[in-house]
């Protein structure tokens, strides 16, 4: 009988997502900013994709990378928010075991992909500022496509062990996940086994992917700043640096919460659980919401094309 029970609970048919532990009564109110941020993210990123598609002058490396970022943001937010809202609004907390692992893969894969695309955008800024005359010959369309493919393959391959490791562990304690989505650590913590390999692999991916990406971005911007400081006038320096502000804002919006969320999930033993879960949930929505705002407002070509479209419609 005990063997039978162990077998039954090795892989539960469903998990139960609790949402934000300790804040169940406030789920309705919490859903309002979540729904608003998701709507802004979807509308903003689709607007960027549409604007770049219809405007031939935007068909260049920077905007191709921006379209990759917008697509990644759409997939990342859509893989989590609809389920969160169904928990908040309808108390639909059940999620199939396989669906949970699929969501886990999409979250970690596309988060890593976002980081890789920001590295590609840093490369574009480096070439544009340090080698402006060779920009069109270095970052050709085939090269941009190969960079995009490399980023996708790296993210897809490195995060593939997450669901396989999670499936490997026996789950004989509980199938209740005190979270609003199926994150890797949140799921494997339920296993009744030594999950050190999952935890160590997660840290390896965090520091090898994000750490390496931050290193390459830092190297790129070191070269960019050196080139800027060589410019003859302050106006030229500020104008050139202004072309990097959007990218630097996008980097801050992704990496600062990412490191904080990942490390507190593992080592924040004294941090209230509801704060950890709420922060981790908001973090997945902040970059997808901010990226179209940052690039839409700061990039004159996109802003100008949007104004043209609305002005033309009004007339």
Protein backbone atom coordinates (compact mmCIF):
# COMPACT_ATOMS: atom_id res chain seq x y z
CA UNK A 1 0.00 0.00 0.00
CA UNK A 2 2.82 2.39 0.85
CA UNK A 3 4.55 1.56 -2.43
CA UNK A 4 1.36 2.35 -4.29
CA UNK A 5 1.01 5.68 -2.52
CA UNK A 6 4.59 6.60 -3.27
CA UNK A 7 4.04 5.84 -6.94
CA UNK A 8 0.87 7.95 -6.99
CA UNK A 9 2.67 10.97 -5.59
CA UNK A 10 5.90 10.64 -7.59
CA UNK A 11 4.48 12.88 -10.29
CA UNK A 12 1.26 14.60 -9.23
CA UNK A 13 -1.27 15.02 -12.02
CA UNK A 14 -1.71 18.67 -11.08
CA UNK A 15 -0.09 21.38 -8.99
CA UNK A 16 -2.00 24.00 -7.02
CA UNK A 17 -0.76 27.59 -7.46
CA UNK A 18 -1.75 29.67 -4.44
CA UNK A 19 -1.09 33.10 -5.95
CA UNK A 20 0.40 35.54 -3.41
CA UNK A 21 0.56 33.69 -0.05
CA UNK A 22 -0.84 35.72 2.83
CA UNK A 23 -2.52 38.24 0.52
CA UNK A 24 -5.44 36.14 -0.72
CA UNK A 25 -8.03 38.71 0.37
CA UNK A 26 -6.23 41.35 -1.70
CA UNK A 27 -5.98 39.28 -4.90
CA UNK A 28 -8.73 41.31 -6.56
CA UNK A 29 -6.89 44.57 -5.91
CA UNK A 30 -3.51 43.08 -6.85
CA UNK A 31 -4.96 41.98 -10.19
CA UNK A 32 -5.63 45.61 -11.23
CA UNK A 33 -1.97 46.71 -11.60
CA UNK A 34 -1.07 43.28 -13.04
CA UNK A 35 -3.78 43.54 -15.68
CA UNK A 36 -2.79 47.16 -16.45
CA UNK A 37 0.89 46.31 -16.83
CA UNK A 38 0.08 43.33 -19.05
CA UNK A 39 -2.18 45.46 -21.27
CA UNK A 40 0.57 48.09 -21.62
CA UNK A 41 3.14 45.38 -22.39
CA UNK A 42 0.99 43.73 -25.08
CA UNK A 43 -0.14 47.00 -26.68
CA UNK A 44 3.33 48.58 -26.51
CA UNK A 45 5.25 45.63 -27.91
CA UNK A 46 2.75 45.00 -30.71
CA UNK A 47 2.97 48.71 -31.57
CA UNK A 48 6.76 48.47 -31.88
CA UNK A 49 6.50 45.38 -34.10
CA UNK A 50 3.86 47.05 -36.29
CA UNK A 51 5.77 50.35 -36.54
CA UNK A 52 9.05 48.69 -37.54
CA UNK A 53 7.24 46.49 -40.08
CA UNK A 54 5.54 49.35 -41.94
CA UNK A 55 8.42 51.87 -41.81
CA UNK A 56 11.27 51.01 -44.25
CA UNK A 57 13.66 53.49 -42.59
CA UNK A 58 13.53 51.35 -39.43
CA UNK A 59 14.71 48.21 -41.21
CA UNK A 60 18.14 48.09 -39.60
CA UNK A 61 20.06 46.09 -36.98
CA UNK A 62 19.00 48.14 -33.95
CA UNK A 63 15.30 47.83 -34.81
CA UNK A 64 15.56 44.15 -35.75
CA UNK A 65 17.03 43.49 -32.29
CA UNK A 66 14.26 45.64 -30.79
CA UNK A 67 11.66 43.49 -32.58
CA UNK A 68 13.31 40.36 -31.15
CA UNK A 69 13.11 41.94 -27.69
CA UNK A 70 9.44 42.85 -28.20
CA UNK A 71 8.59 39.30 -29.32
CA UNK A 72 10.43 37.85 -26.32
CA UNK A 73 8.59 40.21 -23.97
CA UNK A 74 5.23 39.19 -25.43
CA UNK A 75 5.93 35.47 -25.00
CA UNK A 76 7.36 35.91 -21.49
CA UNK A 77 4.45 37.95 -20.17
CA UNK A 78 1.79 35.85 -21.92
CA UNK A 79 3.22 32.62 -20.50
CA UNK A 80 2.55 33.83 -16.94
CA UNK A 81 0.00 36.65 -16.63
CA UNK A 82 -3.19 34.95 -17.96
CA UNK A 83 -2.79 32.15 -15.40
CA UNK A 84 -2.04 34.67 -12.65
CA UNK A 85 -5.20 36.62 -13.48
CA UNK A 86 -7.28 33.42 -13.51
CA UNK A 87 -5.98 32.73 -9.99
CA UNK A 88 -6.72 36.27 -8.81
CA UNK A 89 -10.18 36.52 -10.43
CA UNK A 90 -11.61 33.01 -10.60
CA UNK A 91 -9.53 31.10 -8.00
CA UNK A 92 -8.51 28.75 -10.84
CA UNK A 93 -5.43 27.46 -9.05
CA UNK A 94 -4.95 24.04 -10.64
CA UNK A 95 -2.31 23.58 -13.33
CA UNK A 96 -1.45 20.30 -15.03
CA UNK A 97 1.96 18.85 -14.16
CA UNK A 98 3.16 18.97 -17.79
CA UNK A 99 1.70 22.47 -18.27
CA UNK A 100 3.57 23.60 -15.16
CA UNK A 101 6.88 22.29 -16.53
CA UNK A 102 6.15 23.90 -19.90
CA UNK A 103 5.48 27.25 -18.23
CA UNK A 104 8.70 26.83 -16.24
CA UNK A 105 10.68 26.28 -19.45
CA UNK A 106 9.15 29.28 -21.23
CA UNK A 107 9.77 31.61 -18.27
CA UNK A 108 13.44 30.72 -17.87
CA UNK A 109 14.15 30.33 -21.59
CA UNK A 110 12.72 33.70 -22.61
CA UNK A 111 14.21 35.47 -19.60
CA UNK A 112 17.64 34.26 -20.73
CA UNK A 113 16.76 35.23 -24.31
CA UNK A 114 15.99 38.79 -23.19
CA UNK A 115 19.43 39.01 -21.65
CA UNK A 116 21.10 37.74 -24.83
CA UNK A 117 19.22 40.25 -26.99
CA UNK A 118 20.41 43.10 -24.73
CA UNK A 119 23.98 41.91 -25.37
CA UNK A 120 23.29 41.99 -29.12
CA UNK A 121 21.93 45.53 -28.75
CA UNK A 122 25.08 46.52 -26.84
CA UNK A 123 27.13 45.15 -29.76
CA UNK A 124 25.06 47.27 -32.15
CA UNK A 125 25.70 50.41 -30.05
CA UNK A 126 29.44 49.58 -29.90
CA UNK A 127 29.74 49.20 -33.68
CA UNK A 128 27.57 52.28 -34.36
CA UNK A 129 29.67 54.53 -32.08
CA UNK A 130 33.17 53.05 -32.33
CA UNK A 131 33.06 51.98 -36.02
CA UNK A 132 30.28 54.08 -37.59
CA UNK A 133 31.57 53.84 -41.17
CA UNK A 134 31.65 50.04 -41.02
CA UNK A 135 28.33 49.56 -39.22
CA UNK A 136 26.35 48.57 -42.32
CA UNK A 137 29.05 46.16 -43.49
CA UNK A 138 29.63 44.52 -40.09
CA UNK A 139 26.00 44.10 -38.96
CA UNK A 140 24.41 42.91 -42.19
CA UNK A 141 20.99 41.24 -42.20
CA UNK A 142 22.48 37.70 -42.32
CA UNK A 143 24.76 38.53 -39.37
CA UNK A 144 21.80 39.91 -37.38
CA UNK A 145 19.81 36.75 -38.16
CA UNK A 146 22.72 34.54 -37.03
CA UNK A 147 23.07 36.51 -33.77
CA UNK A 148 19.34 36.12 -33.13
CA UNK A 149 19.53 32.38 -33.81
CA UNK A 150 22.57 32.00 -31.53
CA UNK A 151 20.76 33.83 -28.71
CA UNK A 152 17.67 31.61 -29.12
CA UNK A 153 19.69 28.37 -29.24
CA UNK A 154 21.79 29.29 -26.21
CA UNK A 155 18.72 30.10 -24.13
CA UNK A 156 16.76 27.07 -25.31
CA UNK A 157 19.57 24.60 -24.68
CA UNK A 158 20.75 25.95 -21.32
CA UNK A 159 17.25 26.04 -19.82
CA UNK A 160 16.18 22.65 -21.21
CA UNK A 161 17.48 20.76 -18.10
CA UNK A 162 15.09 22.71 -15.83
CA UNK A 163 11.90 20.76 -16.67
CA UNK A 164 13.81 17.47 -17.02
CA UNK A 165 15.38 17.87 -13.58
CA UNK A 166 12.00 18.86 -12.10
CA UNK A 167 10.38 15.76 -13.66
CA UNK A 168 13.15 13.55 -12.23
CA UNK A 169 12.36 14.28 -8.57
CA UNK A 170 9.65 12.45 -6.58
CA UNK A 171 6.91 14.69 -5.16
CA UNK A 172 5.53 12.88 -2.12
CA UNK A 173 4.93 15.81 0.25
CA UNK A 174 2.47 18.19 -1.33
CA UNK A 175 1.45 19.50 -4.73
CA UNK A 176 0.76 23.03 -3.45
CA UNK A 177 3.09 25.70 -4.87
CA UNK A 178 3.06 28.87 -2.74
CA UNK A 179 3.60 31.02 -5.83
CA UNK A 180 1.72 32.58 -8.73
CA UNK A 181 3.60 30.69 -11.46
CA UNK A 182 5.77 27.59 -11.90
CA UNK A 183 9.28 28.86 -11.30
CA UNK A 184 12.07 26.29 -11.22
CA UNK A 185 13.04 26.64 -7.56
CA UNK A 186 9.42 27.05 -6.39
CA UNK A 187 8.56 23.67 -7.97
CA UNK A 188 11.61 21.59 -7.02
CA UNK A 189 11.40 22.75 -3.39
CA UNK A 190 8.32 20.50 -3.15
CA UNK A 191 10.36 17.39 -3.98
CA UNK A 192 11.10 14.86 -1.25
CA UNK A 193 14.68 14.38 -2.41
CA UNK A 194 18.04 16.12 -2.38
CA UNK A 195 17.56 18.85 -5.00
CA UNK A 196 21.11 20.23 -4.77
CA UNK A 197 21.76 19.51 -8.45
CA UNK A 198 18.72 21.60 -9.46
CA UNK A 199 19.73 24.47 -7.19
CA UNK A 200 23.37 24.43 -8.33
CA UNK A 201 22.41 24.19 -11.99
CA UNK A 202 20.05 27.15 -11.55
CA UNK A 203 22.88 29.21 -10.04
CA UNK A 204 25.21 28.05 -12.83
CA UNK A 205 22.76 29.30 -15.46
CA UNK A 206 22.20 32.55 -13.58
CA UNK A 207 25.88 33.41 -13.32
CA UNK A 208 27.05 31.91 -16.61
CA UNK A 209 24.28 33.47 -18.70
CA UNK A 210 23.45 36.69 -16.88
CA UNK A 211 26.96 37.09 -15.47
CA UNK A 212 28.58 36.57 -18.87
CA UNK A 213 26.09 38.88 -20.56
CA UNK A 214 26.71 41.64 -18.01
CA UNK A 215 30.46 41.20 -18.57
CA UNK A 216 30.12 41.58 -22.36
CA UNK A 217 27.83 44.59 -21.95
CA UNK A 218 30.34 46.18 -19.54
CA UNK A 219 33.18 45.61 -22.03
CA UNK A 220 31.08 47.12 -24.84
CA UNK A 221 30.24 50.21 -22.81
CA UNK A 222 33.83 50.64 -21.66
CA UNK A 223 34.80 50.93 -25.33
CA UNK A 224 31.79 53.15 -26.06
CA UNK A 225 32.66 55.56 -23.21
CA UNK A 226 36.27 55.73 -24.36
CA UNK A 227 35.08 56.66 -27.85
CA UNK A 228 32.64 59.25 -26.46
CA UNK A 229 35.28 60.95 -24.31
CA UNK A 230 37.49 61.32 -27.40
CA UNK A 231 34.85 63.48 -29.08
CA UNK A 232 35.89 67.15 -29.33
CA UNK A 233 32.87 68.89 -27.74
CA UNK A 234 30.57 68.31 -24.78
CA UNK A 235 27.53 68.61 -27.05
CA UNK A 236 28.83 65.83 -29.29
CA UNK A 237 29.57 63.68 -26.24
CA UNK A 238 26.09 64.17 -24.76
CA UNK A 239 24.38 63.59 -28.12
CA UNK A 240 26.28 60.36 -28.72
CA UNK A 241 25.72 59.13 -25.18
CA UNK A 242 22.02 59.94 -25.58
CA UNK A 243 21.76 57.19 -28.19
CA UNK A 244 22.64 54.68 -25.44
CA UNK A 245 20.23 55.89 -22.76
CA UNK A 246 17.33 53.67 -23.91
CA UNK A 247 19.52 50.59 -23.93
CA UNK A 248 21.00 51.36 -20.51
CA UNK A 249 17.49 51.85 -19.09
CA UNK A 250 16.39 48.49 -20.53
CA UNK A 251 19.46 46.82 -18.99
CA UNK A 252 18.67 48.27 -15.55
CA UNK A 253 15.00 47.21 -15.81
CA UNK A 254 16.03 43.59 -16.46
CA UNK A 255 19.20 42.84 -14.52
CA UNK A 256 18.69 44.61 -11.19
CA UNK A 257 15.35 42.89 -10.35
CA UNK A 258 16.59 39.60 -11.89
CA UNK A 259 19.58 39.28 -9.59
CA UNK A 260 17.56 40.40 -6.57
CA UNK A 261 14.71 37.98 -7.29
CA UNK A 262 16.95 34.98 -8.04
CA UNK A 263 19.17 35.44 -4.99
CA UNK A 264 16.36 36.18 -2.52
CA UNK A 265 14.43 33.11 -3.72
CA UNK A 266 17.43 30.99 -2.71
CA UNK A 267 18.92 32.83 0.26
CA UNK A 268 16.24 35.22 1.53
CA UNK A 269 15.24 33.09 4.50
CA UNK A 270 14.20 36.09 6.62
CA UNK A 271 12.32 37.89 3.84
CA UNK A 272 8.50 37.51 4.12
CA UNK A 273 7.20 34.95 1.61
CA UNK A 274 4.44 37.20 0.30
CA UNK A 275 7.02 39.88 -0.54
CA UNK A 276 9.25 37.38 -2.39
CA UNK A 277 6.35 36.01 -4.45
CA UNK A 278 4.89 39.46 -5.17
CA UNK A 279 8.27 40.82 -6.24
CA UNK A 280 9.02 37.78 -8.42
CA UNK A 281 5.60 38.11 -10.08
CA UNK A 282 5.93 41.86 -10.71
CA UNK A 283 9.49 41.41 -11.96
CA UNK A 284 8.31 39.27 -14.89
CA UNK A 285 6.01 42.09 -16.01
CA UNK A 286 8.20 45.16 -15.45
CA UNK A 287 10.69 44.72 -18.34
CA UNK A 288 7.99 43.79 -20.94
CA UNK A 289 6.01 46.86 -19.86
CA UNK A 290 8.96 49.28 -19.70
CA UNK A 291 10.80 48.29 -22.89
CA UNK A 292 8.22 49.67 -25.37
CA UNK A 293 7.83 52.82 -23.26
CA UNK A 294 11.59 53.35 -23.06
CA UNK A 295 12.23 52.77 -26.76
CA UNK A 296 8.99 54.31 -27.99
CA UNK A 297 9.57 57.58 -26.15
CA UNK A 298 13.37 57.79 -26.39
CA UNK A 299 13.75 56.71 -30.03
CA UNK A 300 12.86 59.62 -32.31
CA UNK A 301 12.30 57.46 -35.41
CA UNK A 302 9.69 55.26 -33.69
CA UNK A 303 8.02 58.19 -31.92
CA UNK A 304 7.97 60.24 -35.13
CA UNK A 305 6.45 57.38 -37.16
CA UNK A 306 3.75 56.82 -34.53
CA UNK A 307 2.86 60.52 -34.53
CA UNK A 308 2.67 60.41 -38.32
CA UNK A 309 0.27 57.47 -38.20
CA UNK A 310 -2.09 59.08 -35.69
CA UNK A 311 -1.91 62.50 -37.36
CA UNK A 312 -2.68 60.94 -40.75
CA UNK A 313 -5.65 59.04 -39.29
CA UNK A 314 -7.04 62.18 -37.68
CA UNK A 315 -6.78 64.14 -40.92
